[in-house]
Every structure is written in C-alpha cells, then in structure tokens.
PDB file of N, CA and C in Angstrom:
ATOM      1  N   UNK A   1      12.657  -6.710 -44.484  1.00  0.00           N
ATOM      2  CA  UNK A   1      11.258  -7.002 -44.259  1.00  0.00           C
ATOM      3  C   UNK A   1      10.513  -6.883 -45.587  1.00  0.00           C
ATOM      4  N   UNK A   2       9.523  -7.719 -45.747  1.00  0.00           N
ATOM      5  CA  UNK A   2       8.716  -7.708 -46.957  1.00  0.00           C
ATOM      6  C   UNK A   2       7.722  -6.560 -46.988  1.00  0.00           C
ATOM      7  N   UNK A   3       7.294  -6.109 -45.837  1.00  0.00           N
ATOM      8  CA  UNK A   3       6.330  -5.016 -45.791  1.00  0.00           C
ATOM      9  C   UNK A   3       6.743  -4.019 -44.729  1.00  0.00           C
ATOM     10  N   UNK A   4       6.229  -2.802 -44.812  1.00  0.00           N
ATOM     11  CA  UNK A   4       6.599  -1.763 -43.841  1.00  0.00           C
ATOM     12  C   UNK A   4       6.199  -2.156 -42.417  1.00  0.00           C
ATOM     13  N   UNK A   5       6.968  -1.684 -41.467  1.00  0.00           N
ATOM     14  CA  UNK A   5       6.653  -1.917 -40.056  1.00  0.00           C
ATOM     15  C   UNK A   5       6.304  -0.589 -39.413  1.00  0.00           C
ATOM     16  N   UNK A   6       5.105  -0.485 -38.831  1.00  0.00           N
ATOM     17  CA  UNK A   6       4.721   0.786 -38.217  1.00  0.00           C
ATOM     18  C   UNK A   6       5.606   1.130 -37.026  1.00  0.00           C
ATOM     19  N   UNK A   7       5.838   2.414 -36.849  1.00  0.00           N
ATOM     20  CA  UNK A   7       6.575   2.925 -35.696  1.00  0.00           C
ATOM     21  C   UNK A   7       5.539   3.328 -34.665  1.00  0.00           C
ATOM     22  N   UNK A   8       5.599   2.695 -33.496  1.00  0.00           N
ATOM     23  CA  UNK A   8       4.564   2.930 -32.493  1.00  0.00           C
ATOM     24  C   UNK A   8       5.170   3.230 -31.131  1.00  0.00           C
ATOM     25  N   UNK A   9       4.313   3.747 -30.239  1.00  0.00           N
ATOM     26  CA  UNK A   9       4.695   3.895 -28.837  1.00  0.00           C
ATOM     27  C   UNK A   9       3.777   3.002 -27.997  1.00  0.00           C
ATOM     28  N   UNK A  10       3.926   3.024 -26.702  1.00  0.00           N
ATOM     29  CA  UNK A  10       3.185   2.114 -25.831  1.00  0.00           C
ATOM     30  C   UNK A  10       1.678   2.296 -25.929  1.00  0.00           C
ATOM     31  N   UNK A  11       1.212   3.512 -26.127  1.00  0.00           N
ATOM     32  CA  UNK A  11      -0.238   3.735 -26.182  1.00  0.00           C
ATOM     33  C   UNK A  11      -0.875   3.138 -27.434  1.00  0.00           C
ATOM     34  N   UNK A  12      -0.070   2.767 -28.413  1.00  0.00           N
ATOM     35  CA  UNK A  12      -0.582   2.195 -29.663  1.00  0.00           C
ATOM     36  C   UNK A  12      -0.500   0.673 -29.693  1.00  0.00           C
ATOM     37  N   UNK A  13      -0.007   0.059 -28.638  1.00  0.00           N
ATOM     38  CA  UNK A  13       0.252  -1.383 -28.615  1.00  0.00           C
ATOM     39  C   UNK A  13      -0.986  -2.215 -28.958  1.00  0.00           C
ATOM     40  N   UNK A  14      -2.087  -1.994 -28.263  1.00  0.00           N
ATOM     41  CA  UNK A  14      -3.263  -2.856 -28.433  1.00  0.00           C
ATOM     42  C   UNK A  14      -3.810  -2.842 -29.853  1.00  0.00           C
ATOM     43  N   UNK A  15      -3.716  -1.729 -30.547  1.00  0.00           N
ATOM     44  CA  UNK A  15      -4.236  -1.673 -31.914  1.00  0.00           C
ATOM     45  C   UNK A  15      -3.315  -2.347 -32.926  1.00  0.00           C
ATOM     46  N   UNK A  16      -2.135  -2.819 -32.467  1.00  0.00           N
ATOM     47  CA  UNK A  16      -1.184  -3.487 -33.366  1.00  0.00           C
ATOM     48  C   UNK A  16      -0.919  -4.942 -32.967  1.00  0.00           C
ATOM     49  N   UNK A  17      -1.823  -5.549 -32.200  1.00  0.00           N
ATOM     50  CA  UNK A  17      -1.644  -6.956 -31.799  1.00  0.00           C
ATOM     51  C   UNK A  17      -1.490  -7.825 -33.039  1.00  0.00           C
ATOM     52  N   UNK A  18      -0.481  -8.698 -33.007  1.00  0.00           N
ATOM     53  CA  UNK A  18      -0.210  -9.594 -34.122  1.00  0.00           C
ATOM     54  C   UNK A  18       0.627  -8.982 -35.228  1.00  0.00           C
ATOM     55  N   UNK A  19       1.037  -7.730 -35.051  1.00  0.00           N
ATOM     56  CA  UNK A  19       1.776  -6.994 -36.078  1.00  0.00           C
ATOM     57  C   UNK A  19       3.245  -6.842 -35.681  1.00  0.00           C
ATOM     58  N   UNK A  20       4.121  -6.902 -36.669  1.00  0.00           N
ATOM     59  CA  UNK A  20       5.529  -6.588 -36.443  1.00  0.00           C
ATOM     60  C   UNK A  20       5.668  -5.072 -36.483  1.00  0.00           C
ATOM     61  N   UNK A  21       6.323  -4.511 -35.461  1.00  0.00           N
ATOM     62  CA  UNK A  21       6.413  -3.056 -35.286  1.00  0.00           C
ATOM     63  C   UNK A  21       7.833  -2.635 -34.941  1.00  0.00           C
ATOM     64  N   UNK A  22       8.040  -1.327 -34.968  1.00  0.00           N
ATOM     65  CA  UNK A  22       9.286  -0.721 -34.484  1.00  0.00           C
ATOM     66  C   UNK A  22       8.935   0.158 -33.292  1.00  0.00           C
ATOM     67  N   UNK A  23       9.692  -0.011 -32.223  1.00  0.00           N
ATOM     68  CA  UNK A  23       9.491   0.776 -31.008  1.00  0.00           C
ATOM     69  C   UNK A  23      10.833   1.362 -30.603  1.00  0.00           C
ATOM     70  N   UNK A  24      10.869   2.668 -30.406  1.00  0.00           N
ATOM     71  CA  UNK A  24      12.072   3.337 -29.917  1.00  0.00           C
ATOM     72  C   UNK A  24      11.817   3.732 -28.474  1.00  0.00           C
ATOM     73  N   UNK A  25      12.809   3.493 -27.625  1.00  0.00           N
ATOM     74  CA  UNK A  25      12.623   3.869 -26.236  1.00  0.00           C
ATOM     75  C   UNK A  25      13.853   3.698 -25.387  1.00  0.00           C
ATOM     76  N   UNK A  26      13.647   3.954 -24.095  1.00  0.00           N
ATOM     77  CA  UNK A  26      14.714   3.868 -23.100  1.00  0.00           C
ATOM     78  C   UNK A  26      14.499   2.619 -22.259  1.00  0.00           C
ATOM     79  N   UNK A  27      15.561   1.848 -22.077  1.00  0.00           N
ATOM     80  CA  UNK A  27      15.491   0.666 -21.235  1.00  0.00           C
ATOM     81  C   UNK A  27      15.342   1.134 -19.789  1.00  0.00           C
ATOM     82  N   UNK A  28      14.269   0.708 -19.134  1.00  0.00           N
ATOM     83  CA  UNK A  28      14.004   1.112 -17.756  1.00  0.00           C
ATOM     84  C   UNK A  28      14.625   0.121 -16.775  1.00  0.00           C
ATOM     85  N   UNK A  29      14.354  -1.173 -17.006  1.00  0.00           N
ATOM     86  CA  UNK A  29      14.885  -2.207 -16.118  1.00  0.00           C
ATOM     87  C   UNK A  29      14.652  -3.593 -16.712  1.00  0.00           C
ATOM     88  N   UNK A  30      15.375  -4.549 -16.183  1.00  0.00           N
ATOM     89  CA  UNK A  30      15.143  -5.949 -16.524  1.00  0.00           C
ATOM     90  C   UNK A  30      13.928  -6.444 -15.759  1.00  0.00           C
ATOM     91  N   UNK A  31      13.218  -7.388 -16.360  1.00  0.00           N
ATOM     92  CA  UNK A  31      12.102  -8.019 -15.668  1.00  0.00           C
ATOM     93  C   UNK A  31      12.033  -9.464 -16.135  1.00  0.00           C
ATOM     94  N   UNK A  32      12.386 -10.377 -15.238  1.00  0.00           N
ATOM     95  CA  UNK A  32      12.452 -11.789 -15.615  1.00  0.00           C
ATOM     96  C   UNK A  32      13.480 -11.978 -16.710  1.00  0.00           C
ATOM     97  N   UNK A  33      13.075 -12.664 -17.777  1.00  0.00           N
ATOM     98  CA  UNK A  33      13.987 -12.859 -18.907  1.00  0.00           C
ATOM     99  C   UNK A  33      13.844 -11.741 -19.935  1.00  0.00           C
ATOM    100  N   UNK A  34      13.021 -10.741 -19.626  1.00  0.00           N
ATOM    101  CA  UNK A  34      12.808  -9.636 -20.543  1.00  0.00           C
ATOM    102  C   UNK A  34      13.242  -8.307 -19.961  1.00  0.00           C
ATOM    103  N   UNK A  35      12.691  -7.240 -20.524  1.00  0.00           N
ATOM    104  CA  UNK A  35      12.993  -5.901 -20.022  1.00  0.00           C
ATOM    105  C   UNK A  35      11.811  -4.976 -20.290  1.00  0.00           C
ATOM    106  N   UNK A  36      11.791  -3.882 -19.539  1.00  0.00           N
ATOM    107  CA  UNK A  36      10.774  -2.849 -19.689  1.00  0.00           C
ATOM    108  C   UNK A  36      11.394  -1.698 -20.476  1.00  0.00           C
ATOM    109  N   UNK A  37      10.666  -1.214 -21.495  1.00  0.00           N
ATOM    110  CA  UNK A  37      11.133  -0.083 -22.292  1.00  0.00           C
ATOM    111  C   UNK A  37      10.110   1.048 -22.166  1.00  0.00           C
ATOM    112  N   UNK A  38      10.605   2.265 -21.917  1.00  0.00           N
ATOM    113  CA  UNK A  38       9.757   3.460 -21.885  1.00  0.00           C
ATOM    114  C   UNK A  38       9.759   4.077 -23.269  1.00  0.00           C
ATOM    115  N   UNK A  39       8.568   4.338 -23.816  1.00  0.00           N
ATOM    116  CA  UNK A  39       8.469   4.882 -25.160  1.00  0.00           C
ATOM    117  C   UNK A  39       8.244   6.394 -25.125  1.00  0.00           C
ATOM    118  N   UNK A  40       8.123   6.994 -26.292  1.00  0.00           N
ATOM    119  CA  UNK A  40       8.056   8.454 -26.405  1.00  0.00           C
ATOM    120  C   UNK A  40       6.848   9.081 -25.718  1.00  0.00           C
ATOM    121  N   UNK A  41       5.814   8.295 -25.434  1.00  0.00           N
ATOM    122  CA  UNK A  41       4.634   8.826 -24.754  1.00  0.00           C
ATOM    123  C   UNK A  41       4.741   8.733 -23.238  1.00  0.00           C
ATOM    124  N   UNK A  42       5.879   8.221 -22.734  1.00  0.00           N
ATOM    125  CA  UNK A  42       6.102   8.105 -21.293  1.00  0.00           C
ATOM    126  C   UNK A  42       5.560   6.818 -20.690  1.00  0.00           C
ATOM    127  N   UNK A  43       4.885   5.993 -21.482  1.00  0.00           N
ATOM    128  CA  UNK A  43       4.375   4.708 -21.006  1.00  0.00           C
ATOM    129  C   UNK A  43       5.400   3.614 -21.268  1.00  0.00           C
ATOM    130  N   UNK A  44       5.155   2.438 -20.700  1.00  0.00           N
ATOM    131  CA  UNK A  44       6.132   1.360 -20.809  1.00  0.00           C
ATOM    132  C   UNK A  44       5.535   0.115 -21.453  1.00  0.00           C
ATOM    133  N   UNK A  45       6.430  -0.726 -21.969  1.00  0.00           N
ATOM    134  CA  UNK A  45       6.074  -1.986 -22.616  1.00  0.00           C
ATOM    135  C   UNK A  45       7.037  -3.051 -22.114  1.00  0.00           C
ATOM    136  N   UNK A  46       6.514  -4.251 -21.856  1.00  0.00           N
ATOM    137  CA  UNK A  46       7.353  -5.397 -21.513  1.00  0.00           C
ATOM    138  C   UNK A  46       7.794  -6.075 -22.801  1.00  0.00           C
ATOM    139  N   UNK A  47       9.100  -6.259 -22.955  1.00  0.00           N
ATOM    140  CA  UNK A  47       9.674  -6.907 -24.129  1.00  0.00           C
ATOM    141  C   UNK A  47      10.262  -8.249 -23.707  1.00  0.00           C
ATOM    142  N   UNK A  48       9.898  -9.288 -24.429  1.00  0.00           N
ATOM    143  CA  UNK A  48      10.469 -10.617 -24.239  1.00  0.00           C
ATOM    144  C   UNK A  48      11.361 -10.887 -25.446  1.00  0.00           C
ATOM    145  N   UNK A  49      12.667 -10.663 -25.293  1.00  0.00           N
ATOM    146  CA  UNK A  49      13.570 -10.740 -26.444  1.00  0.00           C
ATOM    147  C   UNK A  49      13.913 -12.177 -26.840  1.00  0.00           C
ATOM    148  N   UNK A  50      14.184 -12.357 -28.133  1.00  0.00           N
ATOM    149  CA  UNK A  50      14.752 -13.612 -28.608  1.00  0.00           C
ATOM    150  C   UNK A  50      16.252 -13.570 -28.309  1.00  0.00           C
ATOM    151  N   UNK A  51      16.929 -14.660 -28.546  1.00  0.00           N
ATOM    152  CA  UNK A  51      18.378 -14.733 -28.310  1.00  0.00           C
ATOM    153  C   UNK A  51      19.119 -13.712 -29.168  1.00  0.00           C
ATOM    154  N   UNK A  52      18.608 -13.457 -30.383  1.00  0.00           N
ATOM    155  CA  UNK A  52      19.261 -12.521 -31.307  1.00  0.00           C
ATOM    156  C   UNK A  52      19.051 -11.056 -30.924  1.00  0.00           C
ATOM    157  N   UNK A  53      18.143 -10.794 -30.030  1.00  0.00           N
ATOM    158  CA  UNK A  53      17.788  -9.416 -29.661  1.00  0.00           C
ATOM    159  C   UNK A  53      18.670  -8.951 -28.500  1.00  0.00           C
ATOM    160  N   UNK A  54      19.821  -8.396 -28.851  1.00  0.00           N
ATOM    161  CA  UNK A  54      20.755  -7.924 -27.830  1.00  0.00           C
ATOM    162  C   UNK A  54      20.931  -6.413 -27.955  1.00  0.00           C
ATOM    163  N   UNK A  55      21.325  -5.785 -26.861  1.00  0.00           N
ATOM    164  CA  UNK A  55      21.539  -4.341 -26.852  1.00  0.00           C
ATOM    165  C   UNK A  55      22.569  -4.013 -25.780  1.00  0.00           C
ATOM    166  N   UNK A  56      23.184  -2.841 -25.895  1.00  0.00           N
ATOM    167  CA  UNK A  56      24.138  -2.413 -24.870  1.00  0.00           C
ATOM    168  C   UNK A  56      23.975  -0.939 -24.520  1.00  0.00           C
ATOM    169  N   UNK A  57      23.004  -0.264 -25.119  1.00  0.00           N
ATOM    170  CA  UNK A  57      22.777   1.158 -24.866  1.00  0.00           C
ATOM    171  C   UNK A  57      21.518   1.352 -24.024  1.00  0.00           C
ATOM    172  N   UNK A  58      21.350   2.548 -23.498  1.00  0.00           N
ATOM    173  CA  UNK A  58      20.143   2.873 -22.734  1.00  0.00           C
ATOM    174  C   UNK A  58      18.940   3.096 -23.636  1.00  0.00           C
ATOM    175  N   UNK A  59      19.173   3.574 -24.853  1.00  0.00           N
ATOM    176  CA  UNK A  59      18.109   3.824 -25.817  1.00  0.00           C
ATOM    177  C   UNK A  59      18.279   2.874 -26.994  1.00  0.00           C
ATOM    178  N   UNK A  60      17.167   2.280 -27.447  1.00  0.00           N
ATOM    179  CA  UNK A  60      17.225   1.334 -28.561  1.00  0.00           C
ATOM    180  C   UNK A  60      16.056   1.537 -29.508  1.00  0.00           C
ATOM    181  N   UNK A  61      16.234   1.042 -30.729  1.00  0.00           N
ATOM    182  CA  UNK A  61      15.109   0.834 -31.636  1.00  0.00           C
ATOM    183  C   UNK A  61      14.900  -0.668 -31.692  1.00  0.00           C
ATOM    184  N   UNK A  62      13.692  -1.098 -31.376  1.00  0.00           N
ATOM    185  CA  UNK A  62      13.355  -2.510 -31.292  1.00  0.00           C
ATOM    186  C   UNK A  62      12.457  -2.893 -32.452  1.00  0.00           C
ATOM    187  N   UNK A  63      12.751  -4.020 -33.075  1.00  0.00           N
ATOM    188  CA  UNK A  63      11.873  -4.619 -34.068  1.00  0.00           C
ATOM    189  C   UNK A  63      11.293  -5.862 -33.416  1.00  0.00           C
ATOM    190  N   UNK A  64       9.972  -5.927 -33.342  1.00  0.00           N
ATOM    191  CA  UNK A  64       9.355  -7.070 -32.677  1.00  0.00           C
ATOM    192  C   UNK A  64       7.891  -7.209 -33.034  1.00  0.00           C
ATOM    193  N   UNK A  65       7.283  -8.276 -32.532  1.00  0.00           N
ATOM    194  CA  UNK A  65       5.880  -8.560 -32.806  1.00  0.00           C
ATOM    195  C   UNK A  65       5.052  -8.360 -31.549  1.00  0.00           C
ATOM    196  N   UNK A  66       3.972  -7.591 -31.682  1.00  0.00           N
ATOM    197  CA  UNK A  66       3.072  -7.332 -30.554  1.00  0.00           C
ATOM    198  C   UNK A  66       2.216  -8.568 -30.312  1.00  0.00           C
ATOM    199  N   UNK A  67       2.205  -9.013 -29.072  1.00  0.00           N
ATOM    200  CA  UNK A  67       1.404 -10.167 -28.671  1.00  0.00           C
ATOM    201  C   UNK A  67       0.027  -9.708 -28.184  1.00  0.00           C
ATOM    202  N   UNK A  68      -0.914 -10.618 -28.104  1.00  0.00           N
ATOM    203  CA  UNK A  68      -2.269 -10.297 -27.686  1.00  0.00           C
ATOM    204  C   UNK A  68      -2.371  -9.714 -26.294  1.00  0.00           C
ATOM    205  N   UNK A  69      -1.398 -10.031 -25.434  1.00  0.00           N
ATOM    206  CA  UNK A  69      -1.425  -9.526 -24.060  1.00  0.00           C
ATOM    207  C   UNK A  69      -0.739  -8.167 -23.913  1.00  0.00           C
ATOM    208  N   UNK A  70      -0.308  -7.573 -25.039  1.00  0.00           N
ATOM    209  CA  UNK A  70       0.324  -6.252 -24.996  1.00  0.00           C
ATOM    210  C   UNK A  70       1.824  -6.273 -24.802  1.00  0.00           C
ATOM    211  N   UNK A  71       2.410  -7.454 -24.676  1.00  0.00           N
ATOM    212  CA  UNK A  71       3.864  -7.544 -24.621  1.00  0.00           C
ATOM    213  C   UNK A  71       4.402  -7.594 -26.049  1.00  0.00           C
ATOM    214  N   UNK A  72       5.720  -7.473 -26.179  1.00  0.00           N
ATOM    215  CA  UNK A  72       6.344  -7.525 -27.501  1.00  0.00           C
ATOM    216  C   UNK A  72       7.426  -8.589 -27.486  1.00  0.00           C
ATOM    217  N   UNK A  73       7.413  -9.452 -28.500  1.00  0.00           N
ATOM    218  CA  UNK A  73       8.498 -10.408 -28.704  1.00  0.00           C
ATOM    219  C   UNK A  73       9.548  -9.692 -29.539  1.00  0.00           C
ATOM    220  N   UNK A  74      10.687  -9.391 -28.924  1.00  0.00           N
ATOM    221  CA  UNK A  74      11.733  -8.627 -29.598  1.00  0.00           C
ATOM    222  C   UNK A  74      12.582  -9.502 -30.489  1.00  0.00           C
ATOM    223  N   UNK A  75      12.691  -9.131 -31.773  1.00  0.00           N
ATOM    224  CA  UNK A  75      13.517  -9.873 -32.731  1.00  0.00           C
ATOM    225  C   UNK A  75      14.933  -9.323 -32.782  1.00  0.00           C
ATOM    226  N   UNK A  76      15.041  -8.003 -32.966  1.00  0.00           N
ATOM    227  CA  UNK A  76      16.348  -7.354 -33.043  1.00  0.00           C
ATOM    228  C   UNK A  76      16.273  -5.988 -32.372  1.00  0.00           C
ATOM    229  N   UNK A  77      17.428  -5.496 -31.956  1.00  0.00           N
ATOM    230  CA  UNK A  77      17.514  -4.163 -31.358  1.00  0.00           C
ATOM    231  C   UNK A  77      18.726  -3.447 -31.933  1.00  0.00           C
ATOM    232  N   UNK A  78      18.564  -2.156 -32.145  1.00  0.00           N
ATOM    233  CA  UNK A  78      19.660  -1.300 -32.615  1.00  0.00           C
ATOM    234  C   UNK A  78      19.949  -0.301 -31.509  1.00  0.00           C
ATOM    235  N   UNK A  79      21.206  -0.241 -31.068  1.00  0.00           N
ATOM    236  CA  UNK A  79      21.600   0.729 -30.049  1.00  0.00           C
ATOM    237  C   UNK A  79      21.541   2.146 -30.616  1.00  0.00           C
ATOM    238  N   UNK A  80      21.019   3.069 -29.810  1.00  0.00           N
ATOM    239  CA  UNK A  80      20.982   4.484 -30.155  1.00  0.00           C
ATOM    240  C   UNK A  80      21.866   5.253 -29.184  1.00  0.00           C
ATOM    241  N   UNK A  81      22.076   6.508 -29.454  1.00  0.00           N
ATOM    242  CA  UNK A  81      22.901   7.358 -28.604  1.00  0.00           C
ATOM    243  C   UNK A  81      22.318   7.441 -27.196  1.00  0.00           C
ATOM    244  N   UNK A  82      23.173   7.541 -26.199  1.00  0.00           N
ATOM    245  CA  UNK A  82      22.703   7.656 -24.816  1.00  0.00           C
ATOM    246  C   UNK A  82      22.088   9.019 -24.510  1.00  0.00           C
ATOM    247  N   UNK A  83      22.191   9.968 -25.434  1.00  0.00           N
ATOM    248  CA  UNK A  83      21.524  11.255 -25.236  1.00  0.00           C
ATOM    249  C   UNK A  83      20.393  11.439 -26.240  1.00  0.00           C
ATOM    250  N   UNK A  84      19.792  10.335 -26.654  1.00  0.00           N
ATOM    251  CA  UNK A  84      18.677  10.331 -27.602  1.00  0.00           C
ATOM    252  C   UNK A  84      17.500  11.113 -27.021  1.00  0.00           C
ATOM    253  N   UNK A  85      16.836  11.917 -27.836  1.00  0.00           N
ATOM    254  CA  UNK A  85      15.722  12.754 -27.388  1.00  0.00           C
ATOM    255  C   UNK A  85      14.392  12.076 -27.727  1.00  0.00           C
ATOM    256  N   UNK A  86      13.801  11.399 -26.736  1.00  0.00           N
ATOM    257  CA  UNK A  86      12.546  10.685 -26.949  1.00  0.00           C
ATOM    258  C   UNK A  86      11.387  11.614 -27.279  1.00  0.00           C
ATOM    259  N   UNK A  87      11.376  12.816 -26.704  1.00  0.00           N
ATOM    260  CA  UNK A  87      10.291  13.757 -26.989  1.00  0.00           C
ATOM    261  C   UNK A  87      10.320  14.184 -28.467  1.00  0.00           C
ATOM    262  N   UNK A  88      11.493  14.471 -28.979  1.00  0.00           N
ATOM    263  CA  UNK A  88      11.619  14.829 -30.394  1.00  0.00           C
ATOM    264  C   UNK A  88      11.218  13.646 -31.268  1.00  0.00           C
ATOM    265  N   UNK A  89      11.606  12.455 -30.861  1.00  0.00           N
ATOM    266  CA  UNK A  89      11.220  11.263 -31.622  1.00  0.00           C
ATOM    267  C   UNK A  89       9.696  11.099 -31.624  1.00  0.00           C
ATOM    268  N   UNK A  90       9.050  11.458 -30.527  1.00  0.00           N
ATOM    269  CA  UNK A  90       7.594  11.379 -30.450  1.00  0.00           C
ATOM    270  C   UNK A  90       6.924  12.240 -31.511  1.00  0.00           C
ATOM    271  N   UNK A  91       7.510  13.399 -31.819  1.00  0.00           N
ATOM    272  CA  UNK A  91       6.980  14.261 -32.883  1.00  0.00           C
ATOM    273  C   UNK A  91       7.096  13.562 -34.240  1.00  0.00           C
ATOM    274  N   UNK A  92       8.234  12.927 -34.459  1.00  0.00           N
ATOM    275  CA  UNK A  92       8.421  12.156 -35.692  1.00  0.00           C
ATOM    276  C   UNK A  92       7.396  11.023 -35.769  1.00  0.00           C
ATOM    277  N   UNK A  93       7.205  10.329 -34.654  1.00  0.00           N
ATOM    278  CA  UNK A  93       6.255   9.221 -34.601  1.00  0.00           C
ATOM    279  C   UNK A  93       4.839   9.681 -34.979  1.00  0.00           C
ATOM    280  N   UNK A  94       4.449  10.836 -34.486  1.00  0.00           N
ATOM    281  CA  UNK A  94       3.128  11.385 -34.809  1.00  0.00           C
ATOM    282  C   UNK A  94       3.007  11.647 -36.307  1.00  0.00           C
ATOM    283  N   UNK A  95       4.048  12.205 -36.900  1.00  0.00           N
ATOM    284  CA  UNK A  95       4.037  12.454 -38.338  1.00  0.00           C
ATOM    285  C   UNK A  95       3.974  11.139 -39.119  1.00  0.00           C
ATOM    286  N   UNK A  96       4.699  10.142 -38.659  1.00  0.00           N
ATOM    287  CA  UNK A  96       4.718   8.841 -39.319  1.00  0.00           C
ATOM    288  C   UNK A  96       3.345   8.183 -39.274  1.00  0.00           C
ATOM    289  N   UNK A  97       2.598   8.381 -38.185  1.00  0.00           N
ATOM    290  CA  UNK A  97       1.250   7.827 -38.076  1.00  0.00           C
ATOM    291  C   UNK A  97       0.285   8.530 -39.027  1.00  0.00           C
ATOM    292  N   UNK A  98       0.472   9.828 -39.222  1.00  0.00           N
ATOM    293  CA  UNK A  98      -0.417  10.597 -40.104  1.00  0.00           C
ATOM    294  C   UNK A  98      -0.131  10.349 -41.580  1.00  0.00           C
ATOM    295  N   UNK A  99       1.132  10.092 -41.904  1.00  0.00           N
ATOM    296  CA  UNK A  99       1.551   9.894 -43.300  1.00  0.00           C
ATOM    297  C   UNK A  99       2.406   8.640 -43.420  1.00  0.00           C
ATOM    298  N   UNK A 100       1.833   7.452 -43.201  1.00  0.00           N
ATOM    299  CA  UNK A 100       2.648   6.225 -43.167  1.00  0.00           C
ATOM    300  C   UNK A 100       3.390   5.930 -44.467  1.00  0.00           C
ATOM    301  N   UNK A 101       2.844   6.348 -45.608  1.00  0.00           N
ATOM    302  CA  UNK A 101       3.509   6.075 -46.886  1.00  0.00           C
ATOM    303  C   UNK A 101       4.857   6.782 -46.986  1.00  0.00           C
ATOM    304  N   UNK A 102       4.996   7.924 -46.322  1.00  0.00           N
ATOM    305  CA  UNK A 102       6.265   8.659 -46.365  1.00  0.00           C
ATOM    306  C   UNK A 102       7.365   7.965 -45.567  1.00  0.00           C
ATOM    307  N   UNK A 103       6.977   7.175 -44.581  1.00  0.00           N
ATOM    308  CA  UNK A 103       7.961   6.593 -43.657  1.00  0.00           C
ATOM    309  C   UNK A 103       8.010   5.081 -43.728  1.00  0.00           C
ATOM    310  N   UNK A 104       7.499   4.501 -44.793  1.00  0.00           N
ATOM    311  CA  UNK A 104       7.470   3.038 -44.939  1.00  0.00           C
ATOM    312  C   UNK A 104       8.852   2.493 -45.216  1.00  0.00           C
TER     313      UNK A 104
END
C-alpha cells in the first residue's frame, strides 16, 4: 500500500467512509454473496468480498474499503488463529487510534 491503512472496528466505520482500512474480527455468518464479521467492540460489519478475498479461518484480518452505506468491500483477508483474542486486539486497536504514527 502507498499509504497507511487505519485499523478500525465496527463503531468506527462511518468516520472512515471512502477509506481503505484493516478490520480484524470473527466471521459470524454468510449473508448473500458476503459475510458478517464481528469486530473487537462486539459490533458487526457486512463485508462484500472480491474474488481475491478468500479465507478459511474463523478469525481474519481484512483489508478493504468502507462504502458510504457502512459496508466494506473486502480486497484481501489473512487467516488468524482460531483462538485469537479479540478483546486483547481491541486494546491494541485503541492504542493504534491514539498513536497512528507508531502503527502505520
């Protein structure tokens, strides 16, 4: 990527419309041609993946673009461990929001 991508959770979606972001979460279920992901704040986001955006784990890191309606167009996904700790990741996310230059 040419520029840093903010790490966000579902509650931060609207303030990042039109921005490419990173979202870590747990796959909750399929919905249509997309899927619902639960983020570290316990809220959910609808992801509409591209063909290249594949995953096989319950927890993923997603790179995608936030759309105006609050959905995310998923570009790529990285599988994470099935025992990934979303609450601990939420603490990291908070630090990343306070000091974005450290986590760019």
